[in-house]
N, C-alpha and C. Protein backbone atom coordinates (compact mmCIF):
# COMPACT_ATOMS: atom_id res chain seq x y z
N UNK A 1 115.26 110.51 105.47
CA UNK A 1 114.77 109.17 105.80
C UNK A 1 113.25 109.19 105.80
N UNK A 2 112.68 108.25 105.08
CA UNK A 2 111.23 108.18 104.98
C UNK A 2 110.65 107.59 106.26
N UNK A 3 109.64 108.24 106.78
CA UNK A 3 108.97 107.73 107.98
C UNK A 3 107.49 107.54 107.71
N UNK A 4 106.99 106.40 108.16
CA UNK A 4 105.57 106.11 108.16
C UNK A 4 105.20 105.81 109.60
N UNK A 5 104.33 106.59 110.18
CA UNK A 5 104.00 106.46 111.59
C UNK A 5 102.53 106.10 111.74
N UNK A 6 102.30 104.87 112.19
CA UNK A 6 100.93 104.37 112.36
C UNK A 6 100.39 104.74 113.74
N UNK A 7 99.08 104.90 113.80
CA UNK A 7 98.41 105.14 115.07
C UNK A 7 96.98 104.61 114.99
N UNK A 8 96.34 104.47 116.16
CA UNK A 8 94.93 104.11 116.18
C UNK A 8 94.62 102.66 116.49
N UNK A 9 95.62 101.83 116.65
CA UNK A 9 95.36 100.43 116.96
C UNK A 9 94.84 100.27 118.38
N UNK A 10 94.59 99.02 118.75
CA UNK A 10 94.12 98.74 120.09
C UNK A 10 93.27 97.50 120.14
N UNK A 11 92.48 97.39 121.19
CA UNK A 11 91.63 96.22 121.39
C UNK A 11 90.16 96.61 121.29
N UNK A 12 89.39 95.73 120.69
CA UNK A 12 87.96 95.99 120.51
C UNK A 12 87.24 94.65 120.47
N UNK A 13 85.97 94.68 120.81
CA UNK A 13 85.17 93.46 120.72
C UNK A 13 84.69 93.24 119.30
N UNK A 14 84.41 91.99 118.99
CA UNK A 14 83.89 91.66 117.66
C UNK A 14 82.64 92.48 117.38
N UNK A 15 82.57 92.97 116.15
CA UNK A 15 81.47 93.83 115.75
C UNK A 15 81.77 95.30 115.90
N UNK A 16 82.85 95.61 116.59
CA UNK A 16 83.23 97.00 116.81
C UNK A 16 84.02 97.59 115.67
N UNK A 17 84.52 98.82 115.89
CA UNK A 17 85.24 99.55 114.86
C UNK A 17 86.53 100.14 115.41
N UNK A 18 87.48 100.29 114.52
CA UNK A 18 88.73 101.00 114.80
C UNK A 18 89.13 101.75 113.54
N UNK A 19 89.88 102.83 113.75
CA UNK A 19 90.42 103.57 112.61
C UNK A 19 91.93 103.68 112.76
N UNK A 20 92.64 103.18 111.78
CA UNK A 20 94.09 103.30 111.75
C UNK A 20 94.48 104.49 110.90
N UNK A 21 95.57 105.13 111.29
CA UNK A 21 96.11 106.25 110.53
C UNK A 21 97.60 106.06 110.33
N UNK A 22 98.10 106.58 109.23
CA UNK A 22 99.52 106.49 108.90
C UNK A 22 99.96 107.86 108.39
N UNK A 23 100.81 108.51 109.15
CA UNK A 23 101.28 109.84 108.78
C UNK A 23 102.64 109.73 108.10
N UNK A 24 102.82 110.54 107.06
CA UNK A 24 104.09 110.54 106.36
C UNK A 24 104.37 111.92 105.81
N UNK A 25 105.44 112.04 105.04
CA UNK A 25 105.82 113.34 104.50
C UNK A 25 104.95 113.70 103.30
N UNK A 26 104.94 114.98 102.97
CA UNK A 26 104.16 115.46 101.85
C UNK A 26 104.67 114.85 100.53
N UNK A 27 105.97 114.69 100.42
CA UNK A 27 106.56 114.15 99.20
C UNK A 27 106.07 112.72 98.96
N UNK A 28 106.16 111.90 99.97
CA UNK A 28 105.73 110.51 99.85
C UNK A 28 104.23 110.46 99.57
N UNK A 29 103.48 111.24 100.32
CA UNK A 29 102.03 111.20 100.21
C UNK A 29 101.57 111.61 98.83
N UNK A 30 102.25 112.57 98.22
CA UNK A 30 101.80 113.10 96.94
C UNK A 30 102.26 112.28 95.75
N UNK A 31 103.29 111.46 95.93
CA UNK A 31 103.89 110.77 94.79
C UNK A 31 103.65 109.26 94.77
N UNK A 32 103.27 108.68 95.88
CA UNK A 32 103.31 107.22 95.98
C UNK A 32 101.97 106.55 96.19
N UNK A 33 101.86 105.35 95.63
CA UNK A 33 100.78 104.46 96.01
C UNK A 33 101.01 104.05 97.45
N UNK A 34 99.94 103.87 98.21
CA UNK A 34 100.07 103.47 99.60
C UNK A 34 99.14 102.31 99.91
N UNK A 35 99.46 101.62 100.99
CA UNK A 35 98.71 100.40 101.28
C UNK A 35 98.73 100.07 102.77
N UNK A 36 97.82 99.20 103.15
CA UNK A 36 97.81 98.58 104.47
C UNK A 36 97.99 97.08 104.29
N UNK A 37 98.90 96.51 105.08
CA UNK A 37 99.10 95.08 105.17
C UNK A 37 98.81 94.66 106.61
N UNK A 38 98.70 93.36 106.81
CA UNK A 38 98.59 92.84 108.17
C UNK A 38 99.26 91.48 108.24
N UNK A 39 99.67 91.15 109.46
CA UNK A 39 100.29 89.85 109.70
C UNK A 39 99.77 89.30 111.02
N UNK A 40 99.08 88.19 110.92
CA UNK A 40 98.56 87.51 112.11
C UNK A 40 99.61 86.52 112.60
N UNK A 41 99.56 86.14 113.87
CA UNK A 41 100.53 85.19 114.41
C UNK A 41 100.56 83.89 113.61
N UNK A 42 101.75 83.49 113.21
CA UNK A 42 101.91 82.25 112.48
C UNK A 42 101.51 82.30 111.02
N UNK A 43 101.17 83.49 110.53
CA UNK A 43 100.76 83.63 109.14
C UNK A 43 101.65 84.61 108.40
N UNK A 44 101.59 84.54 107.08
CA UNK A 44 102.37 85.46 106.27
C UNK A 44 101.69 86.83 106.22
N UNK A 45 102.48 87.83 105.95
CA UNK A 45 101.93 89.18 105.79
C UNK A 45 101.04 89.20 104.56
N UNK A 46 99.87 89.83 104.68
CA UNK A 46 98.94 89.88 103.56
C UNK A 46 98.50 91.31 103.28
N UNK A 47 98.22 91.57 102.03
CA UNK A 47 97.73 92.87 101.62
C UNK A 47 96.27 93.02 102.02
N UNK A 48 95.96 94.10 102.71
CA UNK A 48 94.59 94.37 103.14
C UNK A 48 93.90 95.30 102.15
N UNK A 49 94.57 96.40 101.83
CA UNK A 49 93.97 97.38 100.94
C UNK A 49 95.06 98.30 100.42
N UNK A 50 94.84 98.87 99.23
CA UNK A 50 95.78 99.84 98.70
C UNK A 50 95.03 100.91 97.93
N UNK A 51 95.71 102.05 97.77
CA UNK A 51 95.11 103.17 97.08
C UNK A 51 96.16 103.82 96.20
N UNK A 52 95.80 104.08 94.95
CA UNK A 52 96.73 104.71 94.02
C UNK A 52 96.69 106.22 94.17
N UNK A 53 97.59 106.92 93.51
CA UNK A 53 97.58 108.37 93.56
C UNK A 53 96.32 108.93 92.90
N UNK A 54 95.77 108.19 91.99
CA UNK A 54 94.52 108.62 91.34
C UNK A 54 93.30 108.33 92.20
N UNK A 55 93.52 107.63 93.33
CA UNK A 55 92.41 107.34 94.21
C UNK A 55 91.74 106.01 93.99
N UNK A 56 92.31 105.20 93.10
CA UNK A 56 91.74 103.88 92.88
C UNK A 56 92.06 102.98 94.06
N UNK A 57 91.05 102.30 94.57
CA UNK A 57 91.23 101.46 95.75
C UNK A 57 91.00 99.99 95.43
N UNK A 58 91.60 99.14 96.23
CA UNK A 58 91.34 97.72 96.14
C UNK A 58 91.41 97.12 97.54
N UNK A 59 90.72 96.00 97.71
CA UNK A 59 90.61 95.37 99.02
C UNK A 59 90.76 93.86 98.92
N UNK A 60 91.29 93.27 99.97
CA UNK A 60 91.27 91.82 100.07
C UNK A 60 89.81 91.37 100.22
N UNK A 61 89.51 90.21 99.69
CA UNK A 61 88.13 89.71 99.75
C UNK A 61 87.64 89.62 101.20
N UNK A 62 88.54 89.31 102.10
CA UNK A 62 88.16 89.10 103.50
C UNK A 62 87.70 90.38 104.20
N UNK A 63 88.01 91.55 103.63
CA UNK A 63 87.65 92.80 104.29
C UNK A 63 86.70 93.66 103.46
N UNK A 64 86.38 93.23 102.25
CA UNK A 64 85.49 94.01 101.39
C UNK A 64 84.16 94.26 102.08
N UNK A 65 83.72 95.51 102.01
CA UNK A 65 82.45 95.87 102.61
C UNK A 65 82.55 96.21 104.08
N UNK A 66 83.70 95.95 104.69
CA UNK A 66 83.89 96.25 106.12
C UNK A 66 84.97 97.31 106.35
N UNK A 67 86.00 97.31 105.52
CA UNK A 67 87.12 98.25 105.67
C UNK A 67 87.05 99.30 104.56
N UNK A 68 87.50 100.51 104.88
CA UNK A 68 87.55 101.58 103.91
C UNK A 68 88.89 102.30 104.01
N UNK A 69 89.62 102.35 102.90
CA UNK A 69 90.89 103.05 102.87
C UNK A 69 90.64 104.46 102.32
N UNK A 70 91.35 105.44 102.87
CA UNK A 70 91.17 106.81 102.41
C UNK A 70 92.42 107.62 102.71
N UNK A 71 92.49 108.79 102.09
CA UNK A 71 93.62 109.68 102.30
C UNK A 71 93.13 111.04 102.74
N UNK A 72 93.81 111.61 103.72
CA UNK A 72 93.52 112.97 104.17
C UNK A 72 94.62 113.86 103.62
N UNK A 73 94.30 114.57 102.56
CA UNK A 73 95.31 115.38 101.88
C UNK A 73 95.79 116.57 102.72
N UNK A 74 95.00 116.99 103.66
CA UNK A 74 95.41 118.13 104.48
C UNK A 74 96.41 117.74 105.56
N UNK A 75 96.42 116.43 105.88
CA UNK A 75 97.31 115.97 106.96
C UNK A 75 98.36 114.98 106.47
N UNK A 76 98.40 114.72 105.16
CA UNK A 76 99.34 113.74 104.60
C UNK A 76 99.22 112.41 105.33
N UNK A 77 98.00 111.96 105.48
CA UNK A 77 97.71 110.78 106.28
C UNK A 77 96.87 109.78 105.51
N UNK A 78 97.28 108.53 105.62
CA UNK A 78 96.52 107.41 105.06
C UNK A 78 95.69 106.81 106.19
N UNK A 79 94.42 106.54 105.92
CA UNK A 79 93.53 106.00 106.95
C UNK A 79 92.97 104.64 106.54
N UNK A 80 92.61 103.86 107.54
CA UNK A 80 91.90 102.61 107.30
C UNK A 80 90.79 102.52 108.34
N UNK A 81 89.56 102.73 107.89
CA UNK A 81 88.41 102.59 108.76
C UNK A 81 87.99 101.13 108.75
N UNK A 82 87.97 100.52 109.93
CA UNK A 82 87.65 99.10 110.04
C UNK A 82 86.37 98.94 110.85
N UNK A 83 85.33 98.47 110.20
CA UNK A 83 84.03 98.26 110.83
C UNK A 83 83.69 96.78 110.85
N UNK A 84 82.72 96.44 111.67
CA UNK A 84 82.26 95.04 111.79
C UNK A 84 83.44 94.09 111.97
N UNK A 85 84.31 94.45 112.87
CA UNK A 85 85.54 93.68 113.06
C UNK A 85 85.25 92.27 113.54
N UNK A 86 86.09 91.34 113.09
CA UNK A 86 85.98 89.93 113.44
C UNK A 86 87.24 89.51 114.17
N UNK A 87 87.15 88.42 114.90
CA UNK A 87 88.33 87.95 115.63
C UNK A 87 89.48 87.64 114.67
N UNK A 88 89.13 87.22 113.47
CA UNK A 88 90.18 86.89 112.50
C UNK A 88 90.87 88.12 111.92
N UNK A 89 90.41 89.31 112.28
CA UNK A 89 91.10 90.54 111.87
C UNK A 89 92.26 90.87 112.82
N UNK A 90 92.38 90.11 113.90
CA UNK A 90 93.47 90.33 114.84
C UNK A 90 94.81 90.13 114.14
N UNK A 91 95.68 91.13 114.22
CA UNK A 91 96.96 91.09 113.52
C UNK A 91 97.74 92.36 113.84
N UNK A 92 98.99 92.37 113.43
CA UNK A 92 99.76 93.60 113.39
C UNK A 92 99.55 94.21 112.01
N UNK A 93 99.13 95.45 111.97
CA UNK A 93 98.84 96.15 110.72
C UNK A 93 100.00 97.08 110.38
N UNK A 94 100.38 97.06 109.10
CA UNK A 94 101.50 97.85 108.62
C UNK A 94 101.05 98.80 107.51
N UNK A 95 101.54 100.00 107.57
CA UNK A 95 101.37 100.96 106.49
C UNK A 95 102.56 100.81 105.54
N UNK A 96 102.33 100.92 104.25
CA UNK A 96 103.39 100.80 103.26
C UNK A 96 103.22 101.89 102.21
N UNK A 97 104.35 102.30 101.61
CA UNK A 97 104.30 103.37 100.61
C UNK A 97 105.31 103.13 99.51
N UNK A 98 104.96 103.65 98.31
CA UNK A 98 105.85 103.65 97.16
C UNK A 98 106.12 102.26 96.61
N UNK A 99 105.22 101.84 95.73
CA UNK A 99 105.35 100.53 95.11
C UNK A 99 106.53 100.51 94.15
N UNK A 100 107.32 99.45 94.23
CA UNK A 100 108.44 99.23 93.32
C UNK A 100 108.11 98.06 92.41
N UNK A 101 107.91 98.34 91.14
CA UNK A 101 107.60 97.27 90.20
C UNK A 101 108.78 96.31 90.07
N UNK A 102 109.98 96.86 90.12
CA UNK A 102 111.17 96.03 90.00
C UNK A 102 111.32 95.03 91.13
N UNK A 103 110.97 95.46 92.32
CA UNK A 103 111.09 94.60 93.49
C UNK A 103 109.80 93.88 93.80
N UNK A 104 108.74 94.27 93.13
CA UNK A 104 107.40 93.72 93.42
C UNK A 104 107.09 93.84 94.90
N UNK A 105 107.38 95.00 95.43
CA UNK A 105 107.17 95.24 96.85
C UNK A 105 107.11 96.74 97.09
N UNK A 106 106.55 97.10 98.23
CA UNK A 106 106.60 98.50 98.64
C UNK A 106 107.98 98.80 99.22
N UNK A 107 108.43 100.02 98.97
CA UNK A 107 109.78 100.40 99.41
C UNK A 107 109.84 100.79 100.87
N UNK A 108 108.76 101.35 101.40
CA UNK A 108 108.80 101.89 102.76
C UNK A 108 107.68 101.29 103.62
N UNK A 109 108.04 101.04 104.87
CA UNK A 109 107.11 100.39 105.79
C UNK A 109 107.09 101.10 107.14
N UNK A 110 105.91 101.10 107.75
CA UNK A 110 105.81 101.57 109.11
C UNK A 110 106.25 100.47 110.08
N UNK A 111 106.24 100.80 111.36
CA UNK A 111 106.72 99.87 112.38
C UNK A 111 105.68 98.83 112.75
N UNK A 112 104.45 99.05 112.36
CA UNK A 112 103.38 98.11 112.67
C UNK A 112 102.63 98.51 113.92
N UNK A 113 101.34 98.19 113.94
CA UNK A 113 100.51 98.51 115.09
C UNK A 113 99.54 97.36 115.35
N UNK A 114 99.37 97.01 116.61
CA UNK A 114 98.57 95.85 116.97
C UNK A 114 97.08 96.18 116.96
N UNK A 115 96.31 95.29 116.35
CA UNK A 115 94.85 95.33 116.42
C UNK A 115 94.39 93.98 116.98
N UNK A 116 93.66 94.01 118.07
CA UNK A 116 93.18 92.79 118.70
C UNK A 116 91.66 92.83 118.79
N UNK A 117 91.01 91.82 118.22
CA UNK A 117 89.55 91.74 118.25
C UNK A 117 89.16 90.52 119.07
N UNK A 118 88.41 90.74 120.12
CA UNK A 118 88.02 89.66 121.01
C UNK A 118 86.54 89.30 120.81
N UNK A 119 86.24 88.05 121.12
CA UNK A 119 84.85 87.57 120.95
C UNK A 119 83.99 87.88 122.15
């Protein structure tokens, strides 16, 4: 059973920083594209950032220049460094792995972790 375990969420004031981490198995980490999504109350889940196995990254316009996605190959961990946080970044953040072109979706998801940014 594939597991994605997120950590690092919490509460912070606007302008602050948080780092999210997502730990998974070596097999998943070495073979799959991975991503971070988020879902704010009353809104649809949105893609925040993703990284390919080749290391190519992409970001939502709303987080460009503030968030950085990276992989720690020694720990099989996906990270999301979030700087200059805004109140509108408040959401549940999800780690996702293994893109399925057929389903147009990621196959595996973490349980989600809360990030709250206060003014």
